[in-house]
Protein backbone atom coordinates (compact mmCIF):
# COMPACT_ATOMS: atom_id res chain seq x y z
CA UNK A 1 -23.22 -0.99 10.21
CA UNK A 2 -19.96 -0.51 12.10
CA UNK A 3 -17.40 -3.23 11.45
CA UNK A 4 -15.19 -4.62 14.21
CA UNK A 5 -11.53 -5.57 13.92
CA UNK A 6 -9.72 -8.09 16.11
CA UNK A 7 -6.25 -7.37 17.50
CA UNK A 8 -4.40 -9.10 14.65
CA UNK A 9 -6.27 -7.10 12.03
CA UNK A 10 -5.57 -3.89 13.97
CA UNK A 11 -1.86 -4.69 14.09
CA UNK A 12 -1.78 -5.48 10.37
CA UNK A 13 -3.62 -2.23 9.60
CA UNK A 14 -1.10 -0.37 11.76
CA UNK A 15 1.82 -1.88 9.86
CA UNK A 16 0.23 -0.94 6.54
CA UNK A 17 -0.32 2.58 7.90
CA UNK A 18 3.35 2.79 8.89
CA UNK A 19 4.55 1.54 5.48
CA UNK A 20 2.16 -0.06 3.03
CA UNK A 21 5.07 -1.27 0.83
CA UNK A 22 6.09 -3.76 3.49
CA UNK A 23 5.93 -7.32 2.25
CA UNK A 24 3.60 -9.83 3.88
CA UNK A 25 6.71 -11.51 5.32
CA UNK A 26 7.88 -8.28 6.94
CA UNK A 27 4.42 -7.63 8.40
CA UNK A 28 4.21 -11.24 9.61
CA UNK A 29 7.41 -10.83 11.68
CA UNK A 30 6.06 -7.72 13.36
CA UNK A 31 2.56 -9.09 13.99
CA UNK A 32 3.87 -12.57 14.87
CA UNK A 33 1.64 -14.61 12.63
CA UNK A 34 2.41 -16.49 9.42
CA UNK A 35 2.94 -14.81 6.05
CA UNK A 36 -0.06 -16.68 4.65
CA UNK A 37 -2.25 -15.47 7.52
CA UNK A 38 -1.18 -11.88 6.81
CA UNK A 39 -2.08 -12.27 3.14
CA UNK A 40 -5.46 -13.78 4.02
CA UNK A 41 -6.28 -11.03 6.49
CA UNK A 42 -5.22 -8.24 4.10
CA UNK A 43 -7.48 -9.72 1.41
CA UNK A 44 -10.36 -9.71 3.91
CA UNK A 45 -9.65 -6.06 4.81
CA UNK A 46 -9.79 -5.25 1.09
CA UNK A 47 -12.89 -7.37 0.50
CA UNK A 48 -14.76 -5.62 3.31
CA UNK A 49 -13.65 -2.21 1.83
CA UNK A 50 -11.97 -1.22 5.10
CA UNK A 51 -8.89 -0.90 2.90
CA UNK A 52 -9.88 0.35 -0.55
CA UNK A 53 -6.42 0.95 -1.97
CA UNK A 54 -2.87 2.09 -1.32
CA UNK A 55 -1.21 5.40 -2.10
CA UNK A 56 1.98 7.39 -1.68
CA UNK A 57 2.18 10.67 0.21
CA UNK A 58 3.88 13.04 -2.24
CA UNK A 59 5.60 16.37 -1.83
CA UNK A 60 3.90 17.78 -4.91
CA UNK A 61 5.47 21.20 -4.33
CA UNK A 62 8.80 19.67 -5.35
CA UNK A 63 7.13 18.62 -8.62
CA UNK A 64 6.15 22.24 -9.29
CA UNK A 65 2.51 22.16 -8.12
CA UNK A 66 0.61 24.59 -5.93
CA UNK A 67 -2.61 23.70 -4.12
CA UNK A 68 -5.87 25.63 -4.18
CA UNK A 69 -8.93 24.75 -2.14
CA UNK A 70 -12.32 25.88 -3.48
CA UNK A 71 -15.25 25.79 -1.04
CA UNK A 72 -18.79 26.22 -2.31
CA UNK A 73 -22.21 26.87 -0.79
CA UNK A 74 -25.11 25.99 -3.10
CA UNK A 75 -28.33 27.87 -3.84
CA UNK A 76 -31.38 27.03 -5.98
CA UNK A 77 -30.16 23.51 -6.65
CA UNK A 78 -31.77 20.10 -6.85
CA UNK A 79 -30.12 16.76 -6.23
CA UNK A 80 -29.89 16.34 -10.01
CA UNK A 81 -28.09 19.67 -10.46
CA UNK A 82 -25.69 18.94 -7.60
CA UNK A 83 -24.90 15.54 -9.13
CA UNK A 84 -24.18 17.23 -12.46
CA UNK A 85 -21.81 19.70 -10.77
CA UNK A 86 -20.02 16.86 -9.00
CA UNK A 87 -19.67 14.84 -12.21
CA UNK A 88 -18.32 17.90 -14.03
CA UNK A 89 -15.64 18.46 -11.37
CA UNK A 90 -14.73 14.77 -11.18
CA UNK A 91 -13.71 14.85 -14.83
CA UNK A 92 -11.30 17.76 -14.37
CA UNK A 93 -7.75 16.47 -14.43
CA UNK A 94 -6.38 18.92 -11.83
CA UNK A 95 -9.05 18.05 -9.23
CA UNK A 96 -7.46 15.80 -6.64
CA UNK A 97 -10.05 15.76 -3.86
CA UNK A 98 -13.78 16.34 -4.16
CA UNK A 99 -16.20 15.94 -1.24
CA UNK A 100 -19.76 16.79 -0.27
CA UNK A 101 -20.16 18.51 3.09
CA UNK A 102 -22.64 19.52 5.77
CA UNK A 103 -22.17 22.88 7.44
CA UNK A 104 -21.38 26.30 6.02
CA UNK A 105 -20.11 24.70 2.78
CA UNK A 106 -21.73 22.03 0.62
CA UNK A 107 -18.79 21.09 -1.60
CA UNK A 108 -15.01 21.22 -1.24
CA UNK A 109 -12.61 20.93 -4.17
CA UNK A 110 -8.83 20.63 -3.90
CA UNK A 111 -6.89 21.33 -7.10
CA UNK A 112 -3.21 20.92 -7.93
CA UNK A 113 -1.97 23.27 -10.63
CA UNK A 114 1.36 24.48 -12.00
CA UNK A 115 0.44 28.15 -11.70
CA UNK A 116 -2.38 30.52 -10.75
CA UNK A 117 -3.37 31.11 -14.39
CA UNK A 118 -4.36 27.45 -14.74
CA UNK A 119 -6.54 27.68 -11.64
CA UNK A 120 -8.05 30.93 -12.88
CA UNK A 121 -9.06 29.26 -16.16
CA UNK A 122 -10.48 26.28 -14.28
CA UNK A 123 -12.56 28.55 -12.04
CA UNK A 124 -13.83 30.73 -14.90
CA UNK A 125 -14.97 27.68 -16.88
CA UNK A 126 -16.75 26.32 -13.81
CA UNK A 127 -18.51 29.59 -12.97
CA UNK A 128 -19.54 30.12 -16.58
CA UNK A 129 -21.56 26.90 -16.29
CA UNK A 130 -22.76 26.93 -12.69
CA UNK A 131 -22.48 30.40 -11.09
CA UNK A 132 -26.29 30.65 -10.76
CA UNK A 133 -26.18 27.74 -8.32
CA UNK A 134 -23.37 29.13 -6.15
CA UNK A 135 -24.36 31.31 -3.19
CA UNK A 136 -20.92 31.56 -1.60
CA UNK A 137 -17.46 30.62 -2.74
CA UNK A 138 -14.18 30.87 -0.86
CA UNK A 139 -10.76 30.19 -2.33
CA UNK A 140 -7.72 29.54 -0.17
CA UNK A 141 -4.17 28.68 -1.13
CA UNK A 142 -2.61 25.84 0.87
CA UNK A 143 0.89 27.06 1.70
CA UNK A 144 1.87 24.22 4.03
CA UNK A 145 0.25 20.80 4.47
CA UNK A 146 1.17 18.32 7.21
CA UNK A 147 0.04 14.69 6.90
CA UNK A 148 -0.10 12.18 9.77
CA UNK A 149 -0.90 8.52 10.22
CA UNK A 150 -4.24 7.55 11.73
CA UNK A 151 -2.69 7.06 15.16
CA UNK A 152 -6.06 6.96 16.92
CA UNK A 153 -6.68 3.53 15.35
CA UNK A 154 -3.61 2.00 16.98
CA UNK A 155 -3.56 1.32 20.72
CA UNK A 156 -0.25 2.03 22.45
CA UNK A 157 1.58 2.52 19.17
CA UNK A 158 5.34 2.72 19.71
CA UNK A 159 6.04 4.02 16.22
CA UNK A 160 6.95 7.71 16.06
CA UNK A 161 5.20 9.48 13.23
CA UNK A 162 7.52 11.55 11.11
CA UNK A 163 6.18 15.03 10.37
CA UNK A 164 5.41 14.86 6.65
CA UNK A 165 4.63 18.12 4.92
CA UNK A 166 4.95 20.19 1.78
CA UNK A 167 4.93 23.91 1.14
CA UNK A 168 6.55 26.40 -1.21
CA UNK A 169 9.71 24.53 -2.15
CA UNK A 170 12.21 24.43 -4.97
CA UNK A 171 11.05 22.37 -7.93
CA UNK A 172 13.19 19.32 -8.65
CA UNK A 173 13.86 18.06 -12.16
CA UNK A 174 12.99 14.40 -12.68
CA UNK A 175 12.97 12.24 -15.79
CA UNK A 176 10.03 10.49 -17.44
CA UNK A 177 10.74 7.15 -15.77
CA UNK A 178 10.72 8.68 -12.28
CA UNK A 179 7.51 10.53 -13.14
CA UNK A 180 5.96 7.25 -14.29
CA UNK A 181 7.04 5.53 -11.05
CA UNK A 182 5.59 8.35 -8.95
CA UNK A 183 2.28 8.08 -10.75
CA UNK A 184 2.12 4.29 -10.38
CA UNK A 185 3.04 4.40 -6.70
CA UNK A 186 0.53 7.18 -6.05
CA UNK A 187 -2.20 4.91 -7.43
CA UNK A 188 -0.96 1.73 -5.74
CA UNK A 189 1.89 1.93 -3.27
CA UNK A 190 2.00 -1.88 -2.97
CA UNK A 191 2.65 -2.46 -6.65
CA UNK A 192 5.50 -4.94 -7.04
CA UNK A 193 8.95 -4.13 -8.36
CA UNK A 194 8.46 -6.81 -10.99
CA UNK A 195 5.30 -5.14 -12.31
CA UNK A 196 7.06 -1.77 -12.48
CA UNK A 197 10.05 -3.42 -14.11
CA UNK A 198 7.94 -4.87 -16.90
CA UNK A 199 6.40 -1.46 -17.61
CA UNK A 200 9.62 0.53 -17.93
CA UNK A 201 12.01 -2.22 -19.08
CA UNK A 202 14.43 -1.79 -16.18
CA UNK A 203 15.53 -4.40 -13.66
CA UNK A 204 13.71 -4.60 -10.30
CA UNK A 205 17.01 -3.55 -8.67
CA UNK A 206 17.14 -0.40 -10.83
CA UNK A 207 13.51 0.38 -9.94
CA UNK A 208 14.24 -0.09 -6.23
CA UNK A 209 17.21 2.30 -6.54
CA UNK A 210 15.04 4.94 -8.19
CA UNK A 211 12.33 4.64 -5.50
CA UNK A 212 15.01 4.95 -2.80
CA UNK A 213 16.30 8.11 -4.51
CA UNK A 214 12.78 9.61 -4.72
CA UNK A 215 12.35 8.95 -0.99
CA UNK A 216 15.74 10.51 -0.20
CA UNK A 217 14.71 13.59 -2.19
CA UNK A 218 11.47 13.56 -0.13
CA UNK A 219 9.36 13.61 -3.27
CA UNK A 220 7.84 10.36 -2.01
CA UNK A 221 7.37 10.77 1.73
CA UNK A 222 5.33 7.77 2.87
CA UNK A 223 3.38 4.74 1.67
CA UNK A 224 -0.08 4.31 3.19
CA UNK A 225 -3.38 2.44 2.83
CA UNK A 226 -6.67 4.16 2.04
CA UNK A 227 -8.65 3.26 5.18
CA UNK A 228 -12.42 3.73 5.07
CA UNK A 229 -12.79 4.72 8.71
CA UNK A 230 -16.51 5.42 8.28
CA UNK A 231 -16.93 1.62 8.25
CA UNK A 232 -15.24 1.58 11.66
CA UNK A 233 -17.67 4.15 13.06
CA UNK A 234 -15.69 7.37 12.54
CA UNK A 235 -16.84 10.73 11.19
CA UNK A 236 -14.59 13.04 9.16
CA UNK A 237 -14.48 16.78 9.91
CA UNK A 238 -12.61 19.68 8.36
CA UNK A 239 -12.15 22.64 10.74
CA UNK A 240 -11.20 26.05 9.33
CA UNK A 241 -9.71 28.62 11.73
CA UNK A 242 -9.32 32.38 11.54
CA UNK A 243 -6.58 33.75 13.77
CA UNK A 244 -6.27 37.08 15.53
CA UNK A 245 -2.61 36.54 16.41
CA UNK A 246 0.04 34.77 14.33
CA UNK A 247 2.94 34.56 16.78
CA UNK A 248 2.10 31.06 18.04
CA UNK A 249 1.33 29.12 14.84
CA UNK A 250 4.30 26.82 15.48
CA UNK A 251 3.00 26.11 19.01
CA UNK A 252 -0.51 25.49 17.66
CA UNK A 253 0.90 23.08 15.07
CA UNK A 254 2.94 21.28 17.72
CA UNK A 255 -0.30 20.84 19.70
CA UNK A 256 -2.01 19.45 16.58
CA UNK A 257 0.94 17.11 16.08
CA UNK A 258 0.27 15.50 19.47
CA UNK A 259 -3.42 14.79 18.79
CA UNK A 260 -3.97 11.24 17.45
CA UNK A 261 -7.31 12.09 15.81
CA UNK A 262 -5.85 14.92 13.69
CA UNK A 263 -4.65 13.51 10.36
CA UNK A 264 -3.87 16.78 8.56
CA UNK A 265 -3.03 20.29 9.71
CA UNK A 266 -2.59 23.06 7.21
CA UNK A 267 -1.58 26.69 6.68
CA UNK A 268 -3.82 28.74 4.38
CA UNK A 269 -3.54 32.01 2.53
CA UNK A 270 -6.97 33.57 2.10
CA UNK A 271 -10.17 33.77 4.12
CA UNK A 272 -8.84 31.26 6.69
CA UNK A 273 -5.41 30.95 8.26
CA UNK A 274 -5.02 27.37 9.46
CA UNK A 275 -7.08 24.19 9.39
CA UNK A 276 -7.25 20.59 10.55
CA UNK A 277 -8.78 17.37 9.29
CA UNK A 278 -9.75 14.93 12.01
CA UNK A 279 -11.72 11.73 12.47
CA UNK A 280 -13.78 11.08 15.61
CA UNK A 281 -16.30 8.59 16.91
CA UNK A 282 -18.89 11.14 18.00
CA UNK A 283 -19.86 14.79 18.14
CA UNK A 284 -18.94 14.79 21.82
CA UNK A 285 -15.41 13.69 20.96
CA UNK A 286 -15.17 16.48 18.38
CA UNK A 287 -16.33 19.04 20.94
CA UNK A 288 -13.79 17.81 23.46
CA UNK A 289 -10.92 18.27 20.98
CA UNK A 290 -12.18 21.68 19.85
CA UNK A 291 -12.58 22.84 23.46
CA UNK A 292 -8.98 21.81 24.16
CA UNK A 293 -7.81 23.83 21.15
CA UNK A 294 -9.91 26.86 22.06
CA UNK A 295 -8.92 26.81 25.73
CA UNK A 296 -5.21 26.37 24.97
CA UNK A 297 -5.07 29.04 22.28
CA UNK A 298 -7.86 31.43 23.25
CA UNK A 299 -5.60 34.44 22.65
CA UNK A 300 -4.74 33.29 19.14
CA UNK A 301 -7.97 31.94 17.61
CA UNK A 302 -10.66 34.34 16.49
CA UNK A 303 -13.27 31.94 15.09
CA UNK A 304 -13.72 28.66 13.25
CA UNK A 305 -16.04 26.78 10.91
CA UNK A 306 -16.72 23.09 11.46
CA UNK A 307 -17.53 21.12 8.29
CA UNK A 308 -18.71 17.49 8.26
CA UNK A 309 -17.39 15.58 5.24
CA UNK A 310 -20.21 13.20 4.33
CA UNK A 311 -19.18 11.78 0.94
CA UNK A 312 -15.94 11.56 -0.97
CA UNK A 313 -16.40 11.67 -4.75
CA UNK A 314 -12.81 11.76 -5.94
CA UNK A 315 -9.45 11.06 -4.39
CA UNK A 316 -6.34 11.23 -6.59
CA UNK A 317 -2.94 11.71 -5.05
CA UNK A 318 -1.18 12.95 -8.18
CA UNK A 319 -2.36 15.44 -10.82
CA UNK A 320 -2.83 14.11 -14.32
């Protein structure tokens, strides 16, 4: 059943989407209700599972990670076998995103690894167990990933979304305390300075200084809520494009940047060249957006695959 939000809840959700580390008092000033009312409404958003957590958008390339996306089409499986495959992948420490799909692919796996040898070992172990159930497999390297707020949820938003992305970048050296803070903030971006202070035996002021430094270095790029938009009536699609011309990728990405329903747009190295993740209310809305893309860039796009993401099994924003 689709859940409905009133205007106050929408405004609170927008503020969390802009910066989920804002205090209830800061949100209250922007939404123009009391701090207690903000706290009550956030708890209701969490209780209803519309908000299931809070995370930090990380530039993991600066931490020395590269991103591989493995896309699988099953054969000769049963629901029991597919569940076993999913459980196997969920336990792998380098798997950050694992979803079941409808379309050309049945399963998508995003991994963060320090080098290609680690991914190669991961893939060989997987295929040794389950190759008889895999009809097709495609592997693409994500060379550039842009992340956007869910602007389509917010009517007449006046906030300008900063273009947040990572690619092949120089690795930065950080100490164990910063690494601990990154991990904690990736799991809960609203964790208090006092809680972090107790864990690392530094003052809240020292913790705040370190977080500010990590943001300045653009290792931490944004703080956001995990919004279960399926409860609000939205469907999640991943669209994979093959290009015939590569001169206008920047123009294509600028077009993607203007579309409120597109929450990620990506450069690939492999069987596909670029891709988008988007959330829409209906198949008609998806077709409208795809037609706009195809009509605008007919000379650049060769073909595409449209994949419906129907279940998310794992979401971890920082490799273990």
